[in-house]
Amino acid sequence: MRLQYPTNVRVIQLPCSGRVDILHLLKAFEDGADGVYVAGCMEGDCHFLTGNYKARRKVNYVKEVLKSLGIEPERIEMFNMSSAEGPRFAQIANEFTQRIKELGPSPVPKAQAA
């Protein structure tokens, strides 16, 4: 649809949001991401039945990990949307990017390349 969203948003496609791993989410912060969001299908409408519920549990777990480390849990979020909702994806990308800008840079030290 050629919709506009911030250029600093990196899209990583998976067959199902349920395939995202807690380590993927934490590694994104370690690699320098200031915020991470997972876009999954509408609840109850997952082709793989429960993938989006699994993704939400993983995102909520990472929220708790960040909170326990003294990092704002608002830096990670899960959004549910249909694949036909391109304009909503762009809107969420813009709103989430603005939220992260207001929070400022992530306090997580960036990993050093070996």
PDB file of N, CA and C in Angstrom:
ATOM      1  N   MET A   1       0.812  -1.193   0.000  1.00  0.00           N
ATOM      2  CA  MET A   1       0.000   0.000   0.000  1.00  0.00           C
ATOM      3  C   MET A   1       0.862   1.266   0.000  1.00  0.00           C
ATOM      4  N   ARG A   2       2.165   1.100   0.105  1.00  0.00           N
ATOM      5  CA  ARG A   2       3.088   2.225   0.095  1.00  0.00           C
ATOM      6  C   ARG A   2       2.776   3.251   1.191  1.00  0.00           C
ATOM      7  N   LEU A   3       2.438   2.748   2.351  1.00  0.00           N
ATOM      8  CA  LEU A   3       2.127   3.626   3.482  1.00  0.00           C
ATOM      9  C   LEU A   3       3.413   4.134   4.106  1.00  0.00           C
ATOM     10  N   GLN A   4       3.343   5.294   4.700  1.00  0.00           N
ATOM     11  CA  GLN A   4       4.508   5.902   5.317  1.00  0.00           C
ATOM     12  C   GLN A   4       4.561   5.571   6.808  1.00  0.00           C
ATOM     13  N   TYR A   5       5.712   5.086   7.239  1.00  0.00           N
ATOM     14  CA  TYR A   5       5.974   4.922   8.662  1.00  0.00           C
ATOM     15  C   TYR A   5       7.446   5.232   8.874  1.00  0.00           C
ATOM     16  N   PRO A   6       7.864   5.492  10.112  1.00  0.00           N
ATOM     17  CA  PRO A   6       9.232   5.937  10.356  1.00  0.00           C
ATOM     18  C   PRO A   6      10.279   4.981   9.776  1.00  0.00           C
ATOM     19  N   THR A   7      11.347   5.556   9.244  1.00  0.00           N
ATOM     20  CA  THR A   7      12.403   4.754   8.632  1.00  0.00           C
ATOM     21  C   THR A   7      13.203   3.954   9.646  1.00  0.00           C
ATOM     22  N   ASN A   8      13.106   4.313  10.918  1.00  0.00           N
ATOM     23  CA  ASN A   8      13.850   3.564  11.934  1.00  0.00           C
ATOM     24  C   ASN A   8      13.087   2.329  12.428  1.00  0.00           C
ATOM     25  N   VAL A   9      11.897   2.073  11.893  1.00  0.00           N
ATOM     26  CA  VAL A   9      11.153   0.849  12.219  1.00  0.00           C
ATOM     27  C   VAL A   9      11.699  -0.279  11.357  1.00  0.00           C
ATOM     28  N   ARG A  10      12.152  -1.339  11.992  1.00  0.00           N
ATOM     29  CA  ARG A  10      12.680  -2.506  11.288  1.00  0.00           C
ATOM     30  C   ARG A  10      11.656  -3.625  11.374  1.00  0.00           C
ATOM     31  N   VAL A  11      11.208  -4.091  10.234  1.00  0.00           N
ATOM     32  CA  VAL A  11      10.206  -5.154  10.189  1.00  0.00           C
ATOM     33  C   VAL A  11      10.911  -6.492  10.025  1.00  0.00           C
ATOM     34  N   ILE A  12      10.601  -7.410  10.919  1.00  0.00           N
ATOM     35  CA  ILE A  12      11.131  -8.769  10.848  1.00  0.00           C
ATOM     36  C   ILE A  12       9.923  -9.689  10.737  1.00  0.00           C
ATOM     37  N   GLN A  13       9.776 -10.314   9.594  1.00  0.00           N
ATOM     38  CA  GLN A  13       8.602 -11.150   9.357  1.00  0.00           C
ATOM     39  C   GLN A  13       8.828 -12.574   9.845  1.00  0.00           C
ATOM     40  N   LEU A  14       7.806 -13.100  10.470  1.00  0.00           N
ATOM     41  CA  LEU A  14       7.781 -14.485  10.929  1.00  0.00           C
ATOM     42  C   LEU A  14       6.490 -15.109  10.414  1.00  0.00           C
ATOM     43  N   PRO A  15       6.434 -16.430  10.295  1.00  0.00           N
ATOM     44  CA  PRO A  15       5.196 -17.054   9.829  1.00  0.00           C
ATOM     45  C   PRO A  15       4.027 -16.822  10.795  1.00  0.00           C
ATOM     46  N   CYS A  16       4.345 -16.584  12.062  1.00  0.00           N
ATOM     47  CA  CYS A  16       3.329 -16.381  13.090  1.00  0.00           C
ATOM     48  C   CYS A  16       3.973 -15.597  14.224  1.00  0.00           C
ATOM     49  N   SER A  17       3.229 -14.678  14.828  1.00  0.00           N
ATOM     50  CA  SER A  17       3.790 -13.915  15.948  1.00  0.00           C
ATOM     51  C   SER A  17       4.165 -14.839  17.107  1.00  0.00           C
ATOM     52  N   GLY A  18       3.523 -15.998  17.195  1.00  0.00           N
ATOM     53  CA  GLY A  18       3.842 -16.959  18.243  1.00  0.00           C
ATOM     54  C   GLY A  18       5.255 -17.516  18.125  1.00  0.00           C
ATOM     55  N   ARG A  19       5.885 -17.341  16.957  1.00  0.00           N
ATOM     56  CA  ARG A  19       7.247 -17.832  16.759  1.00  0.00           C
ATOM     57  C   ARG A  19       8.308 -16.901  17.331  1.00  0.00           C
ATOM     58  N   VAL A  20       7.902 -15.680  17.697  1.00  0.00           N
ATOM     59  CA  VAL A  20       8.866 -14.770  18.299  1.00  0.00           C
ATOM     60  C   VAL A  20       9.308 -15.378  19.631  1.00  0.00           C
ATOM     61  N   ASP A  21      10.574 -15.249  19.923  1.00  0.00           N
ATOM     62  CA  ASP A  21      11.132 -15.844  21.135  1.00  0.00           C
ATOM     63  C   ASP A  21      11.502 -14.740  22.117  1.00  0.00           C
ATOM     64  N   ILE A  22      11.422 -15.046  23.381  1.00  0.00           N
ATOM     65  CA  ILE A  22      11.812 -14.091  24.419  1.00  0.00           C
ATOM     66  C   ILE A  22      13.238 -13.605  24.171  1.00  0.00           C
ATOM     67  N   LEU A  23      14.118 -14.509  23.758  1.00  0.00           N
ATOM     68  CA  LEU A  23      15.506 -14.119  23.491  1.00  0.00           C
ATOM     69  C   LEU A  23      15.606 -13.153  22.320  1.00  0.00           C
ATOM     70  N   HIS A  24      14.733 -13.301  21.302  1.00  0.00           N
ATOM     71  CA  HIS A  24      14.722 -12.346  20.182  1.00  0.00           C
ATOM     72  C   HIS A  24      14.410 -10.949  20.702  1.00  0.00           C
ATOM     73  N   LEU A  25      13.411 -10.880  21.564  1.00  0.00           N
ATOM     74  CA  LEU A  25      12.964  -9.589  22.077  1.00  0.00           C
ATOM     75  C   LEU A  25      14.049  -8.933  22.931  1.00  0.00           C
ATOM     76  N   LEU A  26      14.656  -9.711  23.815  1.00  0.00           N
ATOM     77  CA  LEU A  26      15.715  -9.164  24.669  1.00  0.00           C
ATOM     78  C   LEU A  26      16.958  -8.808  23.860  1.00  0.00           C
ATOM     79  N   LYS A  27      17.281  -9.618  22.863  1.00  0.00           N
ATOM     80  CA  LYS A  27      18.449  -9.361  22.014  1.00  0.00           C
ATOM     81  C   LYS A  27      18.286  -8.056  21.240  1.00  0.00           C
ATOM     82  N   ALA A  28      17.070  -7.740  20.849  1.00  0.00           N
ATOM     83  CA  ALA A  28      16.837  -6.480  20.142  1.00  0.00           C
ATOM     84  C   ALA A  28      17.266  -5.293  21.006  1.00  0.00           C
ATOM     85  N   PHE A  29      16.954  -5.342  22.285  1.00  0.00           N
ATOM     86  CA  PHE A  29      17.379  -4.270  23.190  1.00  0.00           C
ATOM     87  C   PHE A  29      18.898  -4.274  23.346  1.00  0.00           C
ATOM     88  N   GLU A  30      19.464  -5.471  23.490  1.00  0.00           N
ATOM     89  CA  GLU A  30      20.913  -5.580  23.623  1.00  0.00           C
ATOM     90  C   GLU A  30      21.629  -5.044  22.380  1.00  0.00           C
ATOM     91  N   ASP A  31      21.010  -5.224  21.217  1.00  0.00           N
ATOM     92  CA  ASP A  31      21.602  -4.767  19.962  1.00  0.00           C
ATOM     93  C   ASP A  31      21.359  -3.281  19.689  1.00  0.00           C
ATOM     94  N   GLY A  32      20.667  -2.607  20.616  1.00  0.00           N
ATOM     95  CA  GLY A  32      20.532  -1.165  20.487  1.00  0.00           C
ATOM     96  C   GLY A  32      19.138  -0.633  20.221  1.00  0.00           C
ATOM     97  N   ALA A  33      18.124  -1.491  20.163  1.00  0.00           N
ATOM     98  CA  ALA A  33      16.758  -0.998  19.946  1.00  0.00           C
ATOM     99  C   ALA A  33      16.301  -0.223  21.180  1.00  0.00           C
ATOM    100  N   ASP A  34      15.659   0.903  20.958  1.00  0.00           N
ATOM    101  CA  ASP A  34      15.092   1.686  22.057  1.00  0.00           C
ATOM    102  C   ASP A  34      13.696   1.191  22.419  1.00  0.00           C
ATOM    103  N   GLY A  35      13.049   0.490  21.495  1.00  0.00           N
ATOM    104  CA  GLY A  35      11.725  -0.059  21.724  1.00  0.00           C
ATOM    105  C   GLY A  35      11.472  -1.192  20.749  1.00  0.00           C
ATOM    106  N   VAL A  36      10.563  -2.089  21.125  1.00  0.00           N
ATOM    107  CA  VAL A  36      10.233  -3.249  20.293  1.00  0.00           C
ATOM    108  C   VAL A  36       8.733  -3.471  20.376  1.00  0.00           C
ATOM    109  N   TYR A  37       8.106  -3.706  19.230  1.00  0.00           N
ATOM    110  CA  TYR A  37       6.711  -4.127  19.282  1.00  0.00           C
ATOM    111  C   TYR A  37       6.488  -5.301  18.354  1.00  0.00           C
ATOM    112  N   VAL A  38       5.545  -6.129  18.768  1.00  0.00           N
ATOM    113  CA  VAL A  38       5.168  -7.315  18.012  1.00  0.00           C
ATOM    114  C   VAL A  38       3.770  -7.063  17.454  1.00  0.00           C
ATOM    115  N   ALA A  39       3.617  -7.257  16.162  1.00  0.00           N
ATOM    116  CA  ALA A  39       2.309  -7.124  15.511  1.00  0.00           C
ATOM    117  C   ALA A  39       1.826  -8.523  15.171  1.00  0.00           C
ATOM    118  N   GLY A  40       0.722  -8.911  15.776  1.00  0.00           N
ATOM    119  CA  GLY A  40       0.163 -10.238  15.531  1.00  0.00           C
ATOM    120  C   GLY A  40      -1.266 -10.145  15.056  1.00  0.00           C
ATOM    121  N   CYS A  41      -1.818 -11.269  14.634  1.00  0.00           N
ATOM    122  CA  CYS A  41      -3.201 -11.256  14.150  1.00  0.00           C
ATOM    123  C   CYS A  41      -4.160 -10.984  15.301  1.00  0.00           C
ATOM    124  N   MET A  42      -5.387 -10.753  14.899  1.00  0.00           N
ATOM    125  CA  MET A  42      -6.431 -10.467  15.874  1.00  0.00           C
ATOM    126  C   MET A  42      -6.595 -11.671  16.804  1.00  0.00           C
ATOM    127  N   GLU A  43      -6.851 -11.383  18.078  1.00  0.00           N
ATOM    128  CA  GLU A  43      -7.034 -12.469  19.040  1.00  0.00           C
ATOM    129  C   GLU A  43      -8.224 -13.318  18.625  1.00  0.00           C
ATOM    130  N   GLY A  44      -8.033 -14.617  18.647  1.00  0.00           N
ATOM    131  CA  GLY A  44      -9.077 -15.545  18.240  1.00  0.00           C
ATOM    132  C   GLY A  44      -9.132 -15.769  16.737  1.00  0.00           C
ATOM    133  N   ASP A  45      -8.241 -15.135  15.991  1.00  0.00           N
ATOM    134  CA  ASP A  45      -8.264 -15.256  14.534  1.00  0.00           C
ATOM    135  C   ASP A  45      -6.881 -15.639  14.001  1.00  0.00           C
ATOM    136  N   CYS A  46      -6.154 -16.437  14.766  1.00  0.00           N
ATOM    137  CA  CYS A  46      -4.807 -16.850  14.368  1.00  0.00           C
ATOM    138  C   CYS A  46      -4.882 -18.109  13.498  1.00  0.00           C
ATOM    139  N   HIS A  47      -4.225 -18.070  12.359  1.00  0.00           N
ATOM    140  CA  HIS A  47      -4.186 -19.228  11.466  1.00  0.00           C
ATOM    141  C   HIS A  47      -3.599 -20.446  12.191  1.00  0.00           C
ATOM    142  N   PHE A  48      -2.658 -20.186  13.118  1.00  0.00           N
ATOM    143  CA  PHE A  48      -2.024 -21.260  13.881  1.00  0.00           C
ATOM    144  C   PHE A  48      -2.703 -21.456  15.241  1.00  0.00           C
ATOM    145  N   LEU A  49      -3.914 -20.956  15.376  1.00  0.00           N
ATOM    146  CA  LEU A  49      -4.822 -21.106  16.515  1.00  0.00           C
ATOM    147  C   LEU A  49      -4.450 -20.278  17.743  1.00  0.00           C
ATOM    148  N   THR A  50      -3.287 -20.506  18.333  1.00  0.00           N
ATOM    149  CA  THR A  50      -2.958 -19.814  19.583  1.00  0.00           C
ATOM    150  C   THR A  50      -1.666 -19.018  19.508  1.00  0.00           C
ATOM    151  N   GLY A  51      -1.126 -18.820  18.334  1.00  0.00           N
ATOM    152  CA  GLY A  51       0.158 -18.131  18.204  1.00  0.00           C
ATOM    153  C   GLY A  51       0.167 -16.739  18.794  1.00  0.00           C
ATOM    154  N   ASN A  52      -0.897 -15.975  18.535  1.00  0.00           N
ATOM    155  CA  ASN A  52      -0.910 -14.611  19.046  1.00  0.00           C
ATOM    156  C   ASN A  52      -1.034 -14.577  20.575  1.00  0.00           C
ATOM    157  N   TYR A  53      -1.688 -15.567  21.168  1.00  0.00           N
ATOM    158  CA  TYR A  53      -1.755 -15.635  22.632  1.00  0.00           C
ATOM    159  C   TYR A  53      -0.376 -15.943  23.212  1.00  0.00           C
ATOM    160  N   LYS A  54       0.350 -16.836  22.539  1.00  0.00           N
ATOM    161  CA  LYS A  54       1.711 -17.148  22.989  1.00  0.00           C
ATOM    162  C   LYS A  54       2.602 -15.919  22.890  1.00  0.00           C
ATOM    163  N   ALA A  55       2.466 -15.182  21.804  1.00  0.00           N
ATOM    164  CA  ALA A  55       3.266 -13.971  21.620  1.00  0.00           C
ATOM    165  C   ALA A  55       2.957 -12.959  22.719  1.00  0.00           C
ATOM    166  N   ARG A  56       1.691 -12.772  23.042  1.00  0.00           N
ATOM    167  CA  ARG A  56       1.319 -11.813  24.090  1.00  0.00           C
ATOM    168  C   ARG A  56       1.926 -12.219  25.432  1.00  0.00           C
ATOM    169  N   ARG A  57       1.895 -13.521  25.753  1.00  0.00           N
ATOM    170  CA  ARG A  57       2.502 -13.979  27.016  1.00  0.00           C
ATOM    171  C   ARG A  57       3.998 -13.685  27.035  1.00  0.00           C
ATOM    172  N   LYS A  58       4.659 -13.895  25.901  1.00  0.00           N
ATOM    173  CA  LYS A  58       6.102 -13.632  25.829  1.00  0.00           C
ATOM    174  C   LYS A  58       6.398 -12.144  25.977  1.00  0.00           C
ATOM    175  N   VAL A  59       5.609 -11.312  25.324  1.00  0.00           N
ATOM    176  CA  VAL A  59       5.794  -9.860  25.445  1.00  0.00           C
ATOM    177  C   VAL A  59       5.550  -9.424  26.887  1.00  0.00           C
ATOM    178  N   ASN A  60       4.514  -9.935  27.520  1.00  0.00           N
ATOM    179  CA  ASN A  60       4.247  -9.588  28.919  1.00  0.00           C
ATOM    180  C   ASN A  60       5.370 -10.048  29.837  1.00  0.00           C
ATOM    181  N   TYR A  61       5.950 -11.205  29.547  1.00  0.00           N
ATOM    182  CA  TYR A  61       7.085 -11.694  30.331  1.00  0.00           C
ATOM    183  C   TYR A  61       8.267 -10.734  30.202  1.00  0.00           C
ATOM    184  N   VAL A  62       8.555 -10.315  28.973  1.00  0.00           N
ATOM    185  CA  VAL A  62       9.677  -9.395  28.759  1.00  0.00           C
ATOM    186  C   VAL A  62       9.394  -8.053  29.428  1.00  0.00           C
ATOM    187  N   LYS A  63       8.147  -7.611  29.458  1.00  0.00           N
ATOM    188  CA  LYS A  63       7.788  -6.391  30.190  1.00  0.00           C
ATOM    189  C   LYS A  63       8.211  -6.518  31.652  1.00  0.00           C
ATOM    190  N   GLU A  64       7.912  -7.681  32.240  1.00  0.00           N
ATOM    191  CA  GLU A  64       8.272  -7.913  33.645  1.00  0.00           C
ATOM    192  C   GLU A  64       9.788  -7.955  33.831  1.00  0.00           C
ATOM    193  N   VAL A  65      10.498  -8.564  32.887  1.00  0.00           N
ATOM    194  CA  VAL A  65      11.962  -8.600  32.960  1.00  0.00           C
ATOM    195  C   VAL A  65      12.516  -7.175  32.920  1.00  0.00           C
ATOM    196  N   LEU A  66      12.032  -6.375  31.979  1.00  0.00           N
ATOM    197  CA  LEU A  66      12.500  -4.990  31.874  1.00  0.00           C
ATOM    198  C   LEU A  66      12.207  -4.226  33.158  1.00  0.00           C
ATOM    199  N   LYS A  67      10.993  -4.408  33.678  1.00  0.00           N
ATOM    200  CA  LYS A  67      10.605  -3.724  34.916  1.00  0.00           C
ATOM    201  C   LYS A  67      11.538  -4.104  36.063  1.00  0.00           C
ATOM    202  N   SER A  68      11.872  -5.387  36.164  1.00  0.00           N
ATOM    203  CA  SER A  68      12.754  -5.846  37.245  1.00  0.00           C
ATOM    204  C   SER A  68      14.180  -5.303  37.091  1.00  0.00           C
ATOM    205  N   LEU A  69      14.535  -4.929  35.858  1.00  0.00           N
ATOM    206  CA  LEU A  69      15.855  -4.345  35.600  1.00  0.00           C
ATOM    207  C   LEU A  69      15.852  -2.827  35.714  1.00  0.00           C
ATOM    208  N   GLY A  70      14.694  -2.256  36.045  1.00  0.00           N
ATOM    209  CA  GLY A  70      14.589  -0.812  36.171  1.00  0.00           C
ATOM    210  C   GLY A  70      14.443  -0.098  34.836  1.00  0.00           C
ATOM    211  N   ILE A  71      13.989  -0.816  33.818  1.00  0.00           N
ATOM    212  CA  ILE A  71      13.794  -0.258  32.482  1.00  0.00           C
ATOM    213  C   ILE A  71      12.288  -0.162  32.235  1.00  0.00           C
ATOM    214  N   GLU A  72      11.878   0.933  31.612  1.00  0.00           N
ATOM    215  CA  GLU A  72      10.450   1.149  31.361  1.00  0.00           C
ATOM    216  C   GLU A  72       9.841  -0.007  30.571  1.00  0.00           C
ATOM    217  N   PRO A  73       8.815  -0.673  31.124  1.00  0.00           N
ATOM    218  CA  PRO A  73       8.177  -1.769  30.397  1.00  0.00           C
ATOM    219  C   PRO A  73       7.407  -1.275  29.173  1.00  0.00           C
ATOM    220  N   GLU A  74       7.182   0.031  29.072  1.00  0.00           N
ATOM    221  CA  GLU A  74       6.479   0.596  27.912  1.00  0.00           C
ATOM    222  C   GLU A  74       7.324   0.527  26.648  1.00  0.00           C
ATOM    223  N   ARG A  75       8.562   0.109  26.779  1.00  0.00           N
ATOM    224  CA  ARG A  75       9.451   0.003  25.616  1.00  0.00           C
ATOM    225  C   ARG A  75       9.141  -1.218  24.756  1.00  0.00           C
ATOM    226  N   ILE A  76       8.272  -2.104  25.257  1.00  0.00           N
ATOM    227  CA  ILE A  76       7.871  -3.274  24.466  1.00  0.00           C
ATOM    228  C   ILE A  76       6.351  -3.377  24.509  1.00  0.00           C
ATOM    229  N   GLU A  77       5.774  -3.748  23.377  1.00  0.00           N
ATOM    230  CA  GLU A  77       4.313  -3.804  23.290  1.00  0.00           C
ATOM    231  C   GLU A  77       3.902  -4.846  22.264  1.00  0.00           C
ATOM    232  N   MET A  78       2.670  -5.299  22.396  1.00  0.00           N
ATOM    233  CA  MET A  78       2.063  -6.229  21.436  1.00  0.00           C
ATOM    234  C   MET A  78       0.811  -5.567  20.891  1.00  0.00           C
ATOM    235  N   PHE A  79       0.663  -5.580  19.580  1.00  0.00           N
ATOM    236  CA  PHE A  79      -0.525  -5.036  18.927  1.00  0.00           C
ATOM    237  C   PHE A  79      -1.144  -6.126  18.066  1.00  0.00           C
ATOM    238  N   ASN A  80      -2.460  -6.196  18.090  1.00  0.00           N
ATOM    239  CA  ASN A  80      -3.184  -7.159  17.256  1.00  0.00           C
ATOM    240  C   ASN A  80      -3.841  -6.414  16.112  1.00  0.00           C
ATOM    241  N   MET A  81      -3.643  -6.943  14.911  1.00  0.00           N
ATOM    242  CA  MET A  81      -4.257  -6.332  13.734  1.00  0.00           C
ATOM    243  C   MET A  81      -4.359  -7.364  12.626  1.00  0.00           C
ATOM    244  N   SER A  82      -5.249  -7.111  11.722  1.00  0.00           N
ATOM    245  CA  SER A  82      -5.429  -7.972  10.562  1.00  0.00           C
ATOM    246  C   SER A  82      -4.396  -7.607   9.505  1.00  0.00           C
ATOM    247  N   SER A  83      -4.057  -8.555   8.656  1.00  0.00           N
ATOM    248  CA  SER A  83      -3.100  -8.272   7.580  1.00  0.00           C
ATOM    249  C   SER A  83      -3.673  -7.259   6.585  1.00  0.00           C
ATOM    250  N   ALA A  84      -4.979  -7.054   6.614  1.00  0.00           N
ATOM    251  CA  ALA A  84      -5.615  -6.083   5.719  1.00  0.00           C
ATOM    252  C   ALA A  84      -5.624  -4.671   6.308  1.00  0.00           C
ATOM    253  N   GLU A  85      -5.050  -4.508   7.495  1.00  0.00           N
ATOM    254  CA  GLU A  85      -5.061  -3.206   8.159  1.00  0.00           C
ATOM    255  C   GLU A  85      -3.735  -2.471   8.011  1.00  0.00           C
ATOM    256  N   GLY A  86      -3.304  -2.289   6.767  1.00  0.00           N
ATOM    257  CA  GLY A  86      -2.069  -1.567   6.511  1.00  0.00           C
ATOM    258  C   GLY A  86      -2.039  -0.177   7.122  1.00  0.00           C
ATOM    259  N   PRO A  87      -3.111   0.616   6.950  1.00  0.00           N
ATOM    260  CA  PRO A  87      -3.103   1.950   7.557  1.00  0.00           C
ATOM    261  C   PRO A  87      -2.959   1.908   9.082  1.00  0.00           C
ATOM    262  N   ARG A  88      -3.554   0.902   9.713  1.00  0.00           N
ATOM    263  CA  ARG A  88      -3.418   0.778  11.177  1.00  0.00           C
ATOM    264  C   ARG A  88      -1.983   0.428  11.540  1.00  0.00           C
ATOM    265  N   PHE A  89      -1.325  -0.422  10.751  1.00  0.00           N
ATOM    266  CA  PHE A  89       0.078  -0.751  11.003  1.00  0.00           C
ATOM    267  C   PHE A  89       0.918   0.525  10.967  1.00  0.00           C
ATOM    268  N   ALA A  90       0.710   1.350   9.951  1.00  0.00           N
ATOM    269  CA  ALA A  90       1.468   2.595   9.826  1.00  0.00           C
ATOM    270  C   ALA A  90       1.171   3.530  10.998  1.00  0.00           C
ATOM    271  N   GLN A  91      -0.082   3.607  11.408  1.00  0.00           N
ATOM    272  CA  GLN A  91      -0.467   4.460  12.537  1.00  0.00           C
ATOM    273  C   GLN A  91       0.213   3.985  13.815  1.00  0.00           C
ATOM    274  N   ILE A  92       0.181   2.681  14.067  1.00  0.00           N
ATOM    275  CA  ILE A  92       0.812   2.135  15.274  1.00  0.00           C
ATOM    276  C   ILE A  92       2.322   2.378  15.232  1.00  0.00           C
ATOM    277  N   ALA A  93       2.938   2.179  14.070  1.00  0.00           N
ATOM    278  CA  ALA A  93       4.380   2.427  13.938  1.00  0.00           C
ATOM    279  C   ALA A  93       4.700   3.869  14.295  1.00  0.00           C
ATOM    280  N   ASN A  94       3.905   4.813  13.808  1.00  0.00           N
ATOM    281  CA  ASN A  94       4.131   6.227  14.112  1.00  0.00           C
ATOM    282  C   ASN A  94       3.910   6.535  15.586  1.00  0.00           C
ATOM    283  N   GLU A  95       2.827   6.020  16.159  1.00  0.00           N
ATOM    284  CA  GLU A  95       2.522   6.280  17.570  1.00  0.00           C
ATOM    285  C   GLU A  95       3.546   5.642  18.500  1.00  0.00           C
ATOM    286  N   PHE A  96       3.949   4.416  18.195  1.00  0.00           N
ATOM    287  CA  PHE A  96       4.921   3.736  19.047  1.00  0.00           C
ATOM    288  C   PHE A  96       6.275   4.441  18.964  1.00  0.00           C
ATOM    289  N   THR A  97       6.665   4.851  17.766  1.00  0.00           N
ATOM    290  CA  THR A  97       7.926   5.579  17.606  1.00  0.00           C
ATOM    291  C   THR A  97       7.898   6.863  18.422  1.00  0.00           C
ATOM    292  N   GLN A  98       6.772   7.555  18.422  1.00  0.00           N
ATOM    293  CA  GLN A  98       6.654   8.786  19.216  1.00  0.00           C
ATOM    294  C   GLN A  98       6.769   8.478  20.708  1.00  0.00           C
ATOM    295  N   ARG A  99       6.140   7.393  21.149  1.00  0.00           N
ATOM    296  CA  ARG A  99       6.222   6.998  22.560  1.00  0.00           C
ATOM    297  C   ARG A  99       7.676   6.756  22.959  1.00  0.00           C
ATOM    298  N   ILE A 100       8.404   6.044  22.109  1.00  0.00           N
ATOM    299  CA  ILE A 100       9.798   5.726  22.415  1.00  0.00           C
ATOM    300  C   ILE A 100      10.651   6.990  22.418  1.00  0.00           C
ATOM    301  N   LYS A 101      10.394   7.915  21.498  1.00  0.00           N
ATOM    302  CA  LYS A 101      11.128   9.192  21.491  1.00  0.00           C
ATOM    303  C   LYS A 101      10.924   9.935  22.799  1.00  0.00           C
ATOM    304  N   GLU A 102       9.692   9.903  23.322  1.00  0.00           N
ATOM    305  CA  GLU A 102       9.397  10.569  24.592  1.00  0.00           C
ATOM    306  C   GLU A 102      10.114   9.894  25.757  1.00  0.00           C
ATOM    307  N   LEU A 103      10.286   8.574  25.692  1.00  0.00           N
ATOM    308  CA  LEU A 103      11.016   7.860  26.745  1.00  0.00           C
ATOM    309  C   LEU A 103      12.516   8.122  26.661  1.00  0.00           C
ATOM    310  N   GLY A 104      12.997   8.425  25.475  1.00  0.00           N
ATOM    311  CA  GLY A 104      14.422   8.666  25.273  1.00  0.00           C
ATOM    312  C   GLY A 104      15.164   7.384  24.946  1.00  0.00           C
ATOM    313  N   PRO A 105      16.473   7.496  24.771  1.00  0.00           N
ATOM    314  CA  PRO A 105      17.279   6.314  24.418  1.00  0.00           C
ATOM    315  C   PRO A 105      17.190   5.228  25.489  1.00  0.00           C
ATOM    316  N   SER A 106      17.311   4.009  25.042  1.00  0.00           N
ATOM    317  CA  SER A 106      17.284   2.869  25.956  1.00  0.00           C
ATOM    318  C   SER A 106      18.496   2.913  26.883  1.00  0.00           C
ATOM    319  N   PRO A 107      18.273   2.596  28.164  1.00  0.00           N
ATOM    320  CA  PRO A 107      19.393   2.544  29.104  1.00  0.00           C
ATOM    321  C   PRO A 107      20.218   1.260  28.995  1.00  0.00           C
ATOM    322  N   VAL A 108      19.798   0.342  28.134  1.00  0.00           N
ATOM    323  CA  VAL A 108      20.516  -0.931  27.979  1.00  0.00           C
ATOM    324  C   VAL A 108      21.812  -0.650  27.205  1.00  0.00           C
ATOM    325  N   PRO A 109      22.961  -1.011  27.793  1.00  0.00           N
ATOM    326  CA  PRO A 109      24.211  -0.810  27.052  1.00  0.00           C
ATOM    327  C   PRO A 109      24.232  -1.690  25.805  1.00  0.00           C
ATOM    328  N   LYS A 110      24.690  -1.111  24.712  1.00  0.00           N
ATOM    329  CA  LYS A 110      24.738  -1.850  23.455  1.00  0.00           C
ATOM    330  C   LYS A 110      25.839  -2.915  23.513  1.00  0.00           C
ATOM    331  N   ALA A 111      25.543  -4.086  22.946  1.00  0.00           N
ATOM    332  CA  ALA A 111      26.500  -5.189  22.927  1.00  0.00           C
ATOM    333  C   ALA A 111      27.689  -4.813  22.056  1.00  0.00           C
ATOM    334  N   GLN A 112      28.845  -5.230  22.464  1.00  0.00           N
ATOM    335  CA  GLN A 112      30.076  -4.988  21.696  1.00  0.00           C
ATOM    336  C   GLN A 112      30.284  -6.130  20.721  1.00  0.00           C
ATOM    337  N   ALA A 113      30.620  -5.798  19.485  1.00  0.00           N
ATOM    338  CA  ALA A 113      30.910  -6.837  18.487  1.00  0.00           C
ATOM    339  C   ALA A 113      32.198  -7.551  18.850  1.00  0.00           C
ATOM    340  N   ALA A 114      32.195  -8.852  18.663  1.00  0.00           N
ATOM    341  CA  ALA A 114      33.377  -9.636  19.034  1.00  0.00           C
ATOM    342  C   ALA A 114      34.400  -9.648  17.931  1.00  0.00           C
TER     343      ALA A 114
END
